Amino acid sequence: MLAAESQQVIALRVMKLAGGGRPAEAEFQRMTAEKLTAAAQAGLKLMTGGSADSILRDYRRKVRANRRRLAR
């Protein structure tokens, strides 16, 4: 499910970015910040003994939230 939902988010983001203007700029800023934060959180979780399953669960939750937000 993560792969399918990720593809949907990518498609929705590309459409938003293609629209240009302030909404596209805001989405780019948000996307960049989210990716950096998610990578840092995943690294920290791994260093403190977190499992790959828990990291994927976290990513899926974030991807699902983005899909819902972008689909509005």
PDB file of N, CA and C in Angstrom:
ATOM      1  N   MET A   1       0.812  -1.203   0.000  1.00  0.00           N
ATOM      2  CA  MET A   1       0.000   0.000   0.000  1.00  0.00           C
ATOM      3  C   MET A   1       0.858   1.271   0.000  1.00  0.00           C
ATOM      4  N   LEU A   2       1.985   1.216   0.684  1.00  0.00           N
ATOM      5  CA  LEU A   2       2.842   2.396   0.737  1.00  0.00           C
ATOM      6  C   LEU A   2       3.278   2.818  -0.660  1.00  0.00           C
ATOM      7  N   ALA A   3       3.643   1.864  -1.485  1.00  0.00           N
ATOM      8  CA  ALA A   3       4.095   2.189  -2.845  1.00  0.00           C
ATOM      9  C   ALA A   3       2.974   2.830  -3.660  1.00  0.00           C
ATOM     10  N   ALA A   4       1.767   2.281  -3.581  1.00  0.00           N
ATOM     11  CA  ALA A   4       0.631   2.825  -4.333  1.00  0.00           C
ATOM     12  C   ALA A   4       0.277   4.222  -3.839  1.00  0.00           C
ATOM     13  N   GLU A   5       0.227   4.392  -2.516  1.00  0.00           N
ATOM     14  CA  GLU A   5      -0.109   5.704  -1.968  1.00  0.00           C
ATOM     15  C   GLU A   5       0.977   6.732  -2.294  1.00  0.00           C
ATOM     16  N   SER A   6       2.225   6.297  -2.295  1.00  0.00           N
ATOM     17  CA  SER A   6       3.322   7.211  -2.639  1.00  0.00           C
ATOM     18  C   SER A   6       3.195   7.694  -4.074  1.00  0.00           C
ATOM     19  N   GLN A   7       2.835   6.805  -4.973  1.00  0.00           N
ATOM     20  CA  GLN A   7       2.657   7.196  -6.376  1.00  0.00           C
ATOM     21  C   GLN A   7       1.522   8.202  -6.519  1.00  0.00           C
ATOM     22  N   GLN A   8       0.446   8.009  -5.749  1.00  0.00           N
ATOM     23  CA  GLN A   8      -0.663   8.961  -5.790  1.00  0.00           C
ATOM     24  C   GLN A   8      -0.207  10.336  -5.302  1.00  0.00           C
ATOM     25  N   VAL A   9       0.563  10.363  -4.224  1.00  0.00           N
ATOM     26  CA  VAL A   9       1.054  11.639  -3.687  1.00  0.00           C
ATOM     27  C   VAL A   9       1.972  12.312  -4.700  1.00  0.00           C
ATOM     28  N   ILE A  10       2.817  11.540  -5.336  1.00  0.00           N
ATOM     29  CA  ILE A  10       3.713  12.115  -6.351  1.00  0.00           C
ATOM     30  C   ILE A  10       2.896  12.748  -7.468  1.00  0.00           C
ATOM     31  N   ALA A  11       1.890  12.044  -7.959  1.00  0.00           N
ATOM     32  CA  ALA A  11       1.051  12.572  -9.043  1.00  0.00           C
ATOM     33  C   ALA A  11       0.334  13.847  -8.604  1.00  0.00           C
ATOM     34  N   LEU A  12      -0.219  13.845  -7.404  1.00  0.00           N
ATOM     35  CA  LEU A  12      -0.930  15.021  -6.907  1.00  0.00           C
ATOM     36  C   LEU A  12       0.023  16.197  -6.721  1.00  0.00           C
ATOM     37  N   ARG A  13       1.223  15.920  -6.245  1.00  0.00           N
ATOM     38  CA  ARG A  13       2.203  16.997  -6.050  1.00  0.00           C
ATOM     39  C   ARG A  13       2.673  17.560  -7.381  1.00  0.00           C
ATOM     40  N   VAL A  14       2.891  16.708  -8.370  1.00  0.00           N
ATOM     41  CA  VAL A  14       3.320  17.184  -9.690  1.00  0.00           C
ATOM     42  C   VAL A  14       2.261  18.120 -10.263  1.00  0.00           C
ATOM     43  N   MET A  15       0.986  17.757 -10.106  1.00  0.00           N
ATOM     44  CA  MET A  15      -0.085  18.622 -10.610  1.00  0.00           C
ATOM     45  C   MET A  15      -0.074  19.970  -9.882  1.00  0.00           C
ATOM     46  N   LYS A  16       0.123  19.922  -8.573  1.00  0.00           N
ATOM     47  CA  LYS A  16       0.156  21.159  -7.788  1.00  0.00           C
ATOM     48  C   LYS A  16       1.348  22.022  -8.197  1.00  0.00           C
ATOM     49  N   LEU A  17       2.511  21.399  -8.350  1.00  0.00           N
ATOM     50  CA  LEU A  17       3.705  22.143  -8.735  1.00  0.00           C
ATOM     51  C   LEU A  17       3.580  22.698 -10.150  1.00  0.00           C
ATOM     52  N   ALA A  18       2.932  21.951 -11.035  1.00  0.00           N
ATOM     53  CA  ALA A  18       2.762  22.405 -12.416  1.00  0.00           C
ATOM     54  C   ALA A  18       1.864  23.627 -12.497  1.00  0.00           C
ATOM     55  N   GLY A  19       0.991  23.776 -11.500  1.00  0.00           N
ATOM     56  CA  GLY A  19       0.100  24.932 -11.472  1.00  0.00           C
ATOM     57  C   GLY A  19       0.836  26.236 -11.203  1.00  0.00           C
ATOM     58  N   GLY A  20       2.021  26.126 -10.618  1.00  0.00           N
ATOM     59  CA  GLY A  20       2.831  27.304 -10.348  1.00  0.00           C
ATOM     60  C   GLY A  20       2.256  28.211  -9.283  1.00  0.00           C
ATOM     61  N   GLY A  21       2.883  29.341  -9.138  1.00  0.00           N
ATOM     62  CA  GLY A  21       2.419  30.353  -8.200  1.00  0.00           C
ATOM     63  C   GLY A  21       2.716  30.027  -6.749  1.00  0.00           C
ATOM     64  N   ARG A  22       2.047  30.755  -5.873  1.00  0.00           N
ATOM     65  CA  ARG A  22       2.263  30.581  -4.434  1.00  0.00           C
ATOM     66  C   ARG A  22       1.903  29.193  -3.923  1.00  0.00           C
ATOM     67  N   PRO A  23       0.800  28.591  -4.405  1.00  0.00           N
ATOM     68  CA  PRO A  23       0.490  27.241  -3.922  1.00  0.00           C
ATOM     69  C   PRO A  23       1.609  26.240  -4.243  1.00  0.00           C
ATOM     70  N   ALA A  24       2.205  26.367  -5.419  1.00  0.00           N
ATOM     71  CA  ALA A  24       3.291  25.463  -5.805  1.00  0.00           C
ATOM     72  C   ALA A  24       4.526  25.718  -4.953  1.00  0.00           C
ATOM     73  N   GLU A  25       4.822  26.976  -4.710  1.00  0.00           N
ATOM     74  CA  GLU A  25       5.981  27.311  -3.879  1.00  0.00           C
ATOM     75  C   GLU A  25       5.802  26.788  -2.455  1.00  0.00           C
ATOM     76  N   ALA A  26       4.600  26.962  -1.922  1.00  0.00           N
ATOM     77  CA  ALA A  26       4.314  26.483  -0.568  1.00  0.00           C
ATOM     78  C   ALA A  26       4.418  24.958  -0.493  1.00  0.00           C
ATOM     79  N   GLU A  27       3.923  24.292  -1.525  1.00  0.00           N
ATOM     80  CA  GLU A  27       3.991  22.821  -1.543  1.00  0.00           C
ATOM     81  C   GLU A  27       5.435  22.351  -1.634  1.00  0.00           C
ATOM     82  N   PHE A  28       6.232  23.021  -2.437  1.00  0.00           N
ATOM     83  CA  PHE A  28       7.643  22.659  -2.553  1.00  0.00           C
ATOM     84  C   PHE A  28       8.352  22.808  -1.210  1.00  0.00           C
ATOM     85  N   GLN A  29       8.104  23.924  -0.539  1.00  0.00           N
ATOM     86  CA  GLN A  29       8.719  24.158   0.772  1.00  0.00           C
ATOM     87  C   GLN A  29       8.282  23.093   1.775  1.00  0.00           C
ATOM     88  N   ARG A  30       6.996  22.791   1.779  1.00  0.00           N
ATOM     89  CA  ARG A  30       6.466  21.786   2.706  1.00  0.00           C
ATOM     90  C   ARG A  30       7.053  20.416   2.420  1.00  0.00           C
ATOM     91  N   MET A  31       7.081  20.043   1.138  1.00  0.00           N
ATOM     92  CA  MET A  31       7.603  18.742   0.734  1.00  0.00           C
ATOM     93  C   MET A  31       9.066  18.588   1.153  1.00  0.00           C
ATOM     94  N   THR A  32       9.857  19.619   0.911  1.00  0.00           N
ATOM     95  CA  THR A  32      11.272  19.566   1.253  1.00  0.00           C
ATOM     96  C   THR A  32      11.472  19.424   2.757  1.00  0.00           C
ATOM     97  N   ALA A  33      10.755  20.218   3.523  1.00  0.00           N
ATOM     98  CA  ALA A  33      10.869  20.152   4.986  1.00  0.00           C
ATOM     99  C   ALA A  33      10.427  18.784   5.505  1.00  0.00           C
ATOM    100  N   GLU A  34       9.324  18.261   4.959  1.00  0.00           N
ATOM    101  CA  GLU A  34       8.824  16.951   5.402  1.00  0.00           C
ATOM    102  C   GLU A  34       9.836  15.847   5.122  1.00  0.00           C
ATOM    103  N   LYS A  35      10.446  15.890   3.961  1.00  0.00           N
ATOM    104  CA  LYS A  35      11.396  14.837   3.598  1.00  0.00           C
ATOM    105  C   LYS A  35      12.633  14.865   4.496  1.00  0.00           C
ATOM    106  N   LEU A  36      13.142  16.056   4.776  1.00  0.00           N
ATOM    107  CA  LEU A  36      14.304  16.170   5.656  1.00  0.00           C
ATOM    108  C   LEU A  36      13.968  15.700   7.074  1.00  0.00           C
ATOM    109  N   THR A  37      12.814  16.098   7.559  1.00  0.00           N
ATOM    110  CA  THR A  37      12.389  15.692   8.904  1.00  0.00           C
ATOM    111  C   THR A  37      12.176  14.189   8.976  1.00  0.00           C
ATOM    112  N   ALA A  38      11.511  13.625   7.970  1.00  0.00           N
ATOM    113  CA  ALA A  38      11.241  12.185   7.966  1.00  0.00           C
ATOM    114  C   ALA A  38      12.541  11.381   7.927  1.00  0.00           C
ATOM    115  N   ALA A  39      13.506  11.827   7.135  1.00  0.00           N
ATOM    116  CA  ALA A  39      14.784  11.117   7.067  1.00  0.00           C
ATOM    117  C   ALA A  39      15.520  11.179   8.405  1.00  0.00           C
ATOM    118  N   ALA A  40      15.497  12.340   9.039  1.00  0.00           N
ATOM    119  CA  ALA A  40      16.153  12.474  10.349  1.00  0.00           C
ATOM    120  C   ALA A  40      15.472  11.607  11.396  1.00  0.00           C
ATOM    121  N   GLN A  41      14.142  11.586  11.385  1.00  0.00           N
ATOM    122  CA  GLN A  41      13.406  10.763  12.346  1.00  0.00           C
ATOM    123  C   GLN A  41      13.671   9.282  12.125  1.00  0.00           C
ATOM    124  N   ALA A  42      13.732   8.860  10.869  1.00  0.00           N
ATOM    125  CA  ALA A  42      14.005   7.453  10.570  1.00  0.00           C
ATOM    126  C   ALA A  42      15.409   7.071  11.029  1.00  0.00           C
ATOM    127  N   GLY A  43      16.377   7.934  10.787  1.00  0.00           N
ATOM    128  CA  GLY A  43      17.738   7.660  11.227  1.00  0.00           C
ATOM    129  C   GLY A  43      17.837   7.557  12.738  1.00  0.00           C
ATOM    130  N   LEU A  44      17.179   8.471  13.423  1.00  0.00           N
ATOM    131  CA  LEU A  44      17.185   8.446  14.882  1.00  0.00           C
ATOM    132  C   LEU A  44      16.527   7.175  15.407  1.00  0.00           C
ATOM    133  N   LYS A  45      15.419   6.803  14.779  1.00  0.00           N
ATOM    134  CA  LYS A  45      14.715   5.598  15.214  1.00  0.00           C
ATOM    135  C   LYS A  45      15.599   4.363  15.025  1.00  0.00           C
ATOM    136  N   LEU A  46      16.307   4.298  13.906  1.00  0.00           N
ATOM    137  CA  LEU A  46      17.213   3.169  13.676  1.00  0.00           C
ATOM    138  C   LEU A  46      18.337   3.135  14.695  1.00  0.00           C
ATOM    139  N   MET A  47      18.895   4.308  14.990  1.00  0.00           N
ATOM    140  CA  MET A  47      20.011   4.373  15.939  1.00  0.00           C
ATOM    141  C   MET A  47      19.588   4.001  17.363  1.00  0.00           C
ATOM    142  N   THR A  48      18.312   4.169  17.658  1.00  0.00           N
ATOM    143  CA  THR A  48      17.838   3.868  19.010  1.00  0.00           C
ATOM    144  C   THR A  48      17.133   2.514  19.080  1.00  0.00           C
ATOM    145  N   GLY A  49      17.332   1.693  18.046  1.00  0.00           N
ATOM    146  CA  GLY A  49      16.813   0.335  18.088  1.00  0.00           C
ATOM    147  C   GLY A  49      15.444   0.124  17.480  1.00  0.00           C
ATOM    148  N   GLY A  50      14.934   1.111  16.774  1.00  0.00           N
ATOM    149  CA  GLY A  50      13.629   0.964  16.122  1.00  0.00           C
ATOM    150  C   GLY A  50      13.699  -0.028  14.979  1.00  0.00           C
ATOM    151  N   SER A  51      12.579  -0.639  14.693  1.00  0.00           N
ATOM    152  CA  SER A  51      12.537  -1.635  13.622  1.00  0.00           C
ATOM    153  C   SER A  51      12.194  -0.985  12.280  1.00  0.00           C
ATOM    154  N   ALA A  52      12.525  -1.689  11.223  1.00  0.00           N
ATOM    155  CA  ALA A  52      12.170  -1.225   9.881  1.00  0.00           C
ATOM    156  C   ALA A  52      10.653  -1.142   9.737  1.00  0.00           C
ATOM    157  N   ASP A  53       9.949  -2.083  10.358  1.00  0.00           N
ATOM    158  CA  ASP A  53       8.479  -2.056  10.292  1.00  0.00           C
ATOM    159  C   ASP A  53       7.913  -0.777  10.905  1.00  0.00           C
ATOM    160  N   SER A  54       8.474  -0.355  12.032  1.00  0.00           N
ATOM    161  CA  SER A  54       7.951   0.861  12.668  1.00  0.00           C
ATOM    162  C   SER A  54       8.264   2.092  11.828  1.00  0.00           C
ATOM    163  N   ILE A  55       9.400   2.094  11.168  1.00  0.00           N
ATOM    164  CA  ILE A  55       9.751   3.216  10.297  1.00  0.00           C
ATOM    165  C   ILE A  55       8.808   3.265   9.099  1.00  0.00           C
ATOM    166  N   LEU A  56       8.543   2.124   8.494  1.00  0.00           N
ATOM    167  CA  LEU A  56       7.613   2.081   7.355  1.00  0.00           C
ATOM    168  C   LEU A  56       6.211   2.489   7.777  1.00  0.00           C
ATOM    169  N   ARG A  57       5.806   2.090   8.965  1.00  0.00           N
ATOM    170  CA  ARG A  57       4.492   2.480   9.480  1.00  0.00           C
ATOM    171  C   ARG A  57       4.406   4.003   9.605  1.00  0.00           C
ATOM    172  N   ASP A  58       5.474   4.617  10.117  1.00  0.00           N
ATOM    173  CA  ASP A  58       5.513   6.077  10.234  1.00  0.00           C
ATOM    174  C   ASP A  58       5.432   6.745   8.869  1.00  0.00           C
ATOM    175  N   TYR A  59       6.217   6.243   7.908  1.00  0.00           N
ATOM    176  CA  TYR A  59       6.186   6.802   6.556  1.00  0.00           C
ATOM    177  C   TYR A  59       4.797   6.661   5.939  1.00  0.00           C
ATOM    178  N   ARG A  60       4.184   5.515   6.121  1.00  0.00           N
ATOM    179  CA  ARG A  60       2.870   5.300   5.526  1.00  0.00           C
ATOM    180  C   ARG A  60       1.849   6.267   6.103  1.00  0.00           C
ATOM    181  N   ARG A  61       1.923   6.506   7.402  1.00  0.00           N
ATOM    182  CA  ARG A  61       1.003   7.447   8.032  1.00  0.00           C
ATOM    183  C   ARG A  61       1.179   8.846   7.427  1.00  0.00           C
ATOM    184  N   LYS A  62       2.418   9.256   7.216  1.00  0.00           N
ATOM    185  CA  LYS A  62       2.692  10.575   6.643  1.00  0.00           C
ATOM    186  C   LYS A  62       2.246  10.657   5.190  1.00  0.00           C
ATOM    187  N   VAL A  63       2.489   9.601   4.441  1.00  0.00           N
ATOM    188  CA  VAL A  63       2.086   9.577   3.031  1.00  0.00           C
ATOM    189  C   VAL A  63       0.566   9.637   2.932  1.00  0.00           C
ATOM    190  N   ARG A  64      -0.119   8.877   3.777  1.00  0.00           N
ATOM    191  CA  ARG A  64      -1.585   8.862   3.771  1.00  0.00           C
ATOM    192  C   ARG A  64      -2.138  10.257   4.091  1.00  0.00           C
ATOM    193  N   ALA A  65      -1.545  10.928   5.060  1.00  0.00           N
ATOM    194  CA  ALA A  65      -1.997  12.280   5.409  1.00  0.00           C
ATOM    195  C   ALA A  65      -1.783  13.245   4.239  1.00  0.00           C
ATOM    196  N   ASN A  66      -0.657  13.124   3.560  1.00  0.00           N
ATOM    197  CA  ASN A  66      -0.399  13.977   2.396  1.00  0.00           C
ATOM    198  C   ASN A  66      -1.388  13.694   1.271  1.00  0.00           C
ATOM    199  N   ARG A  67      -1.691  12.423   1.063  1.00  0.00           N
ATOM    200  CA  ARG A  67      -2.651  12.075   0.010  1.00  0.00           C
ATOM    201  C   ARG A  67      -4.008  12.704   0.301  1.00  0.00           C
ATOM    202  N   ARG A  68      -4.453  12.602   1.545  1.00  0.00           N
ATOM    203  CA  ARG A  68      -5.746  13.197   1.914  1.00  0.00           C
ATOM    204  C   ARG A  68      -5.719  14.717   1.716  1.00  0.00           C
ATOM    205  N   ARG A  69      -4.648  15.346   2.160  1.00  0.00           N
ATOM    206  CA  ARG A  69      -4.542  16.804   2.049  1.00  0.00           C
ATOM    207  C   ARG A  69      -4.504  17.257   0.600  1.00  0.00           C
ATOM    208  N   LEU A  70      -3.714  16.591  -0.218  1.00  0.00           N
ATOM    209  CA  LEU A  70      -3.559  17.010  -1.611  1.00  0.00           C
ATOM    210  C   LEU A  70      -4.789  16.689  -2.469  1.00  0.00           C
ATOM    211  N   ALA A  71      -5.558  15.700  -2.076  1.00  0.00           N
ATOM    212  CA  ALA A  71      -6.727  15.304  -2.859  1.00  0.00           C
ATOM    213  C   ALA A  71      -7.914  16.261  -2.683  1.00  0.00           C
ATOM    214  N   ARG A  72      -7.830  17.129  -1.674  1.00  0.00           N
ATOM    215  CA  ARG A  72      -8.946  18.074  -1.449  1.00  0.00           C
ATOM    216  C   ARG A  72      -9.047  19.088  -2.530  1.00  0.00           C
TER     217      ARG A  72
END
